[in-house]
Amino acid sequence: MIFRQFEATEGELSYLLADPVTGAAALIDPDLAALERYRTALDESGLTLRYVLETHLHESHVSAAPWLRDSAAARVAMSDCADAGCIDQRLQDGDELYLGEETLIAIATPGHSACSMVYRWRDRLFTGHTLLVGAAGDTCRSDADPERLYSSVMDQLYRLPGDLLVYPGRVVEGRRVSSIAQERQINAGLNRRSQRADFIAARRADRRSLAATAAQRLRINRECRYDATPEFSTHKPTEQGNHHADI
């Protein structure tokens, strides 16, 4: 397999994965701040970008999806309930996507947003902001729902095999990868001891509105705007070498 993890805006994580036989590639949650890094990685490995997969409409970074869709003719795929203007393939729970001989499975996980999805590839889960390392996704957005987030994590993700690796959409305290087994035990937001009523009550009591910058990013991503610039990105993009594998 070909797999790379990138860090960009304020600890946001994105992923490149590809079939080494055909060179067909996908980018998950690409950040505009790392656009040139993606292009370099694709060119250096001789890959053809087939898909841009979004785990949700982002408020935490400006998506590179419109640029990649235009320049690389990649198909943008996300949940069928998302209201973005540039979706080429709308996904439902259980849908499969093919990259040459590789298969990804879409898992609907509403909660952080109404249309959040997780993608499963081999032994890896790309969890976006639904499940972070040691934390559960926030529920600040107007379409967020703590009850649905609890169900998505506890009743879906935590019932998957424990050895599945968790690759989140954001760095938390320097941590970029975990496993389902580990998160079941030690996740501070949601673990095997968490009670539904307590989690929902705590989240509702701590409900906050999106910051103005986050709301603007969300609007840009919903409209698939090309006039956006990386002005909202304050962190120099880096490729995480210790999580880069060509196997």
Protein backbone atom coordinates (compact mmCIF):
# COMPACT_ATOMS: atom_id res chain seq x y z
CA MET A 1 0.00 0.00 0.00
CA ILE A 2 0.98 3.63 -0.35
CA PHE A 3 0.01 5.79 2.61
CA ARG A 4 1.00 9.24 3.83
CA GLN A 5 -0.27 11.50 6.58
CA PHE A 6 -0.04 15.30 6.34
CA GLU A 7 -0.46 17.96 9.01
CA ALA A 8 -1.56 21.46 8.00
CA THR A 9 -3.85 24.14 9.43
CA GLU A 10 -3.69 24.21 13.23
CA GLY A 11 -3.01 20.49 13.51
CA GLU A 12 -5.52 19.35 10.90
CA LEU A 13 -4.66 15.95 9.39
CA SER A 14 -5.21 14.68 5.87
CA TYR A 15 -4.27 11.46 4.13
CA LEU A 16 -3.00 10.17 0.81
CA LEU A 17 -3.58 6.51 0.02
CA ALA A 18 -3.08 4.63 -3.21
CA ASP A 19 -2.95 1.29 -4.95
CA PRO A 20 0.72 0.64 -5.85
CA VAL A 21 -0.25 -1.58 -8.78
CA THR A 22 -2.42 0.88 -10.73
CA GLY A 23 -1.30 4.14 -9.13
CA ALA A 24 -4.91 5.13 -8.39
CA ALA A 25 -4.97 7.46 -5.38
CA ALA A 26 -7.35 9.20 -2.99
CA LEU A 27 -6.93 12.14 -0.66
CA ILE A 28 -8.98 12.27 2.52
CA ASP A 29 -9.85 15.71 3.95
CA PRO A 30 -7.30 17.67 1.87
CA ASP A 31 -6.40 21.09 3.25
CA LEU A 32 -5.77 24.03 0.92
CA ALA A 33 -2.70 24.92 3.00
CA ALA A 34 -1.06 21.64 1.92
CA LEU A 35 -2.10 21.72 -1.73
CA GLU A 36 1.43 21.89 -3.15
CA ARG A 37 2.56 19.08 -0.85
CA TYR A 38 -0.15 16.83 -2.24
CA ARG A 39 0.80 17.65 -5.81
CA THR A 40 4.45 16.93 -5.10
CA ALA A 41 3.64 13.63 -3.40
CA LEU A 42 1.41 12.52 -6.27
CA ASP A 43 3.99 13.46 -8.90
CA GLU A 44 6.94 11.89 -7.10
CA SER A 45 5.12 8.58 -6.71
CA GLY A 46 3.61 8.61 -10.21
CA LEU A 47 0.06 8.49 -8.84
CA THR A 48 -3.23 9.52 -10.43
CA LEU A 49 -5.70 11.17 -8.09
CA ARG A 50 -9.10 9.52 -8.53
CA TYR A 51 -10.99 10.64 -5.44
CA VAL A 52 -11.16 13.41 -2.90
CA LEU A 53 -13.01 12.03 0.12
CA GLU A 54 -14.41 14.40 2.71
CA THR A 55 -15.40 13.12 6.14
CA HIS A 56 -17.69 16.17 6.46
CA LEU A 57 -18.02 19.79 5.40
CA HIS A 58 -15.19 21.35 7.34
CA GLU A 59 -15.19 24.39 9.57
CA SER A 60 -11.58 23.91 10.71
CA HIS A 61 -9.79 24.38 7.39
CA VAL A 62 -10.43 25.46 3.82
CA SER A 63 -10.75 22.34 1.69
CA ALA A 64 -8.51 21.79 -1.33
CA ALA A 65 -11.28 19.77 -2.99
CA PRO A 66 -12.32 22.38 -5.61
CA TRP A 67 -8.72 22.84 -6.77
CA LEU A 68 -8.01 19.11 -6.93
CA ARG A 69 -11.29 18.47 -8.71
CA ASP A 70 -10.39 21.07 -11.32
CA SER A 71 -6.67 20.42 -11.78
CA ALA A 72 -6.59 16.63 -11.40
CA ALA A 73 -10.13 15.73 -12.52
CA ALA A 74 -10.61 13.94 -9.21
CA ARG A 75 -14.14 13.03 -8.13
CA VAL A 76 -15.28 14.61 -4.87
CA ALA A 77 -17.19 12.17 -2.67
CA MET A 78 -18.95 12.72 0.63
CA SER A 79 -22.18 11.94 2.43
CA ASP A 80 -25.36 12.10 0.39
CA CYS A 81 -26.85 14.53 2.91
CA ALA A 82 -24.05 17.11 2.59
CA ASP A 83 -25.06 20.37 0.93
CA ALA A 84 -21.77 21.23 -0.80
CA GLY A 85 -21.92 22.49 -4.35
CA CYS A 86 -19.21 20.28 -5.87
CA ILE A 87 -20.08 16.71 -4.92
CA ASP A 88 -19.58 14.21 -7.75
CA GLN A 89 -20.44 11.06 -5.80
CA ARG A 90 -22.87 11.01 -2.89
CA LEU A 91 -22.24 8.25 -0.40
CA GLN A 92 -24.49 6.26 1.88
CA ASP A 93 -23.57 4.02 4.78
CA GLY A 94 -21.82 0.90 3.50
CA ASP A 95 -20.98 2.22 0.04
CA GLU A 96 -17.68 1.06 -1.40
CA LEU A 97 -15.11 3.02 -3.39
CA TYR A 98 -12.44 1.36 -5.49
CA LEU A 99 -8.86 2.45 -6.08
CA GLY A 100 -7.49 -0.13 -8.47
CA GLU A 101 -7.31 -3.24 -6.31
CA GLU A 102 -7.98 -1.34 -3.07
CA THR A 103 -11.43 -0.90 -1.48
CA LEU A 104 -12.65 1.79 0.91
CA ILE A 105 -15.92 1.53 2.82
CA ALA A 106 -17.98 4.56 3.84
CA ILE A 107 -19.50 4.50 7.34
CA ALA A 108 -22.13 7.10 8.26
CA THR A 109 -21.28 8.60 11.66
CA PRO A 110 -23.48 11.67 12.27
CA GLY A 111 -22.93 13.73 15.38
CA HIS A 112 -20.05 16.15 14.96
CA SER A 113 -22.02 17.20 11.89
CA ALA A 114 -25.22 15.81 10.45
CA CYS A 115 -23.37 14.31 7.50
CA SER A 116 -20.12 13.04 9.03
CA MET A 117 -18.59 9.87 7.60
CA VAL A 118 -15.70 7.59 8.50
CA TYR A 119 -13.77 5.68 5.84
CA ARG A 120 -12.41 2.19 6.41
CA TRP A 121 -9.42 0.99 4.41
CA ARG A 122 -7.75 -2.32 5.24
CA ASP A 123 -6.81 -2.07 8.94
CA ARG A 124 -7.40 1.69 9.16
CA LEU A 125 -10.25 4.01 10.00
CA PHE A 126 -10.14 7.63 8.90
CA THR A 127 -12.40 9.19 11.48
CA GLY A 128 -12.36 12.90 10.66
CA HIS A 129 -13.62 14.85 13.67
CA THR A 130 -16.00 12.12 14.86
CA LEU A 131 -13.35 10.33 16.92
CA LEU A 132 -10.01 11.89 17.81
CA VAL A 133 -7.12 10.34 19.72
CA GLY A 134 -8.21 10.60 23.34
CA ALA A 135 -11.23 12.80 22.59
CA ALA A 136 -14.60 12.84 20.89
CA GLY A 137 -15.44 15.39 18.23
CA ASP A 138 -16.97 18.67 19.34
CA THR A 139 -20.66 19.46 18.92
CA CYS A 140 -20.53 23.23 18.38
CA ARG A 141 -22.03 23.36 14.90
CA SER A 142 -25.69 24.07 14.34
CA ASP A 143 -26.10 20.64 12.71
CA ALA A 144 -24.24 18.81 15.49
CA ASP A 145 -26.03 16.38 17.78
CA PRO A 146 -24.37 14.90 20.90
CA GLU A 147 -26.85 12.03 21.06
CA ARG A 148 -26.04 10.97 17.50
CA LEU A 149 -22.32 11.40 18.16
CA TYR A 150 -22.58 9.08 21.16
CA SER A 151 -24.37 6.46 19.05
CA SER A 152 -21.92 6.78 16.16
CA VAL A 153 -18.91 6.20 18.39
CA MET A 154 -20.25 3.78 20.99
CA ASP A 155 -22.68 1.75 18.88
CA GLN A 156 -20.74 1.73 15.60
CA LEU A 157 -17.04 2.48 15.83
CA TYR A 158 -16.39 0.82 19.19
CA ARG A 159 -18.06 -2.38 17.97
CA LEU A 160 -15.49 -2.75 15.21
CA PRO A 161 -12.40 -4.94 15.74
CA GLY A 162 -10.09 -3.51 18.38
CA ASP A 163 -6.98 -3.80 16.23
CA LEU A 164 -8.28 -1.32 13.66
CA LEU A 165 -6.08 1.78 13.60
CA VAL A 166 -7.70 5.17 14.16
CA TYR A 167 -6.39 7.99 11.97
CA PRO A 168 -8.21 11.17 13.04
CA GLY A 169 -8.74 14.51 11.36
CA ARG A 170 -6.84 16.49 13.96
CA VAL A 171 -3.78 16.18 16.19
CA VAL A 172 -4.60 16.07 19.91
CA GLU A 173 -1.70 16.68 22.30
CA GLY A 174 0.75 15.50 19.66
CA ARG A 175 -1.08 12.22 19.03
CA ARG A 176 -1.85 11.30 15.43
CA VAL A 177 -2.82 7.63 15.51
CA SER A 178 -4.48 5.20 17.90
CA SER A 179 -6.59 2.04 17.77
CA ILE A 180 -10.19 1.18 18.49
CA ALA A 181 -9.13 -0.95 21.47
CA GLN A 182 -7.13 1.91 22.95
CA GLU A 183 -9.88 4.47 22.47
CA ARG A 184 -12.47 2.19 24.07
CA GLN A 185 -10.33 2.17 27.20
CA ILE A 186 -8.82 5.63 27.57
CA ASN A 187 -10.70 8.13 25.39
CA ALA A 188 -11.50 11.01 27.73
CA GLY A 189 -14.59 12.01 25.78
CA LEU A 190 -16.15 8.61 25.12
CA ASN A 191 -14.98 5.26 26.48
CA ARG A 192 -16.56 1.97 27.48
CA ARG A 193 -17.63 3.46 30.83
CA SER A 194 -19.35 6.51 29.34
CA GLN A 195 -23.08 6.81 29.94
CA ARG A 196 -25.33 8.14 27.20
CA ALA A 197 -27.36 10.51 29.39
CA ASP A 198 -24.27 11.94 31.10
CA PHE A 199 -22.47 12.57 27.80
CA ILE A 200 -25.47 14.25 26.18
CA ALA A 201 -26.17 16.43 29.22
CA ALA A 202 -22.54 17.54 29.47
CA ARG A 203 -22.34 18.41 25.78
CA ARG A 204 -25.59 20.36 25.84
CA ALA A 205 -24.48 22.29 28.91
CA ASP A 206 -21.21 23.20 27.18
CA ARG A 207 -22.74 24.12 23.83
CA ARG A 208 -20.85 26.96 22.13
CA SER A 209 -21.24 28.72 18.83
CA LEU A 210 -18.68 28.49 16.04
CA ALA A 211 -16.08 31.21 15.96
CA ALA A 212 -16.41 33.69 13.10
CA THR A 213 -13.39 32.27 11.26
CA ALA A 214 -14.75 28.72 11.55
CA ALA A 215 -18.14 29.83 10.25
CA GLN A 216 -16.45 31.51 7.30
CA ARG A 217 -14.46 28.38 6.46
CA LEU A 218 -17.63 26.31 6.58
CA ARG A 219 -19.36 28.73 4.22
CA ILE A 220 -16.42 28.67 1.78
CA ASN A 221 -16.39 24.87 1.76
CA ARG A 222 -20.15 24.61 1.33
CA GLU A 223 -19.97 26.93 -1.68
CA CYS A 224 -16.83 25.22 -3.09
CA ARG A 225 -15.36 28.63 -3.67
CA TYR A 226 -12.23 29.17 -5.73
CA ASP A 227 -11.61 32.67 -4.44
CA ALA A 228 -10.49 31.39 -1.04
CA THR A 229 -6.84 31.63 -0.10
CA PRO A 230 -4.79 29.93 2.63
CA GLU A 231 -5.16 33.11 4.73
CA PHE A 232 -6.96 31.12 7.41
CA SER A 233 -4.05 28.69 7.74
CA THR A 234 -1.58 29.56 10.46
CA HIS A 235 0.46 26.37 10.60
CA LYS A 236 3.10 25.43 8.05
CA PRO A 237 2.08 22.14 6.41
CA THR A 238 4.28 19.18 7.21
CA GLU A 239 4.36 15.61 6.05
CA GLN A 240 4.65 13.24 9.00
CA GLY A 241 7.54 10.99 8.09
CA ASN A 242 6.95 8.65 11.00
CA HIS A 243 3.48 7.92 9.62
CA HIS A 244 4.52 7.54 5.98
CA ALA A 245 4.54 4.04 4.59
CA ASP A 246 4.97 2.60 1.12
CA ILE A 247 4.49 -1.11 1.61
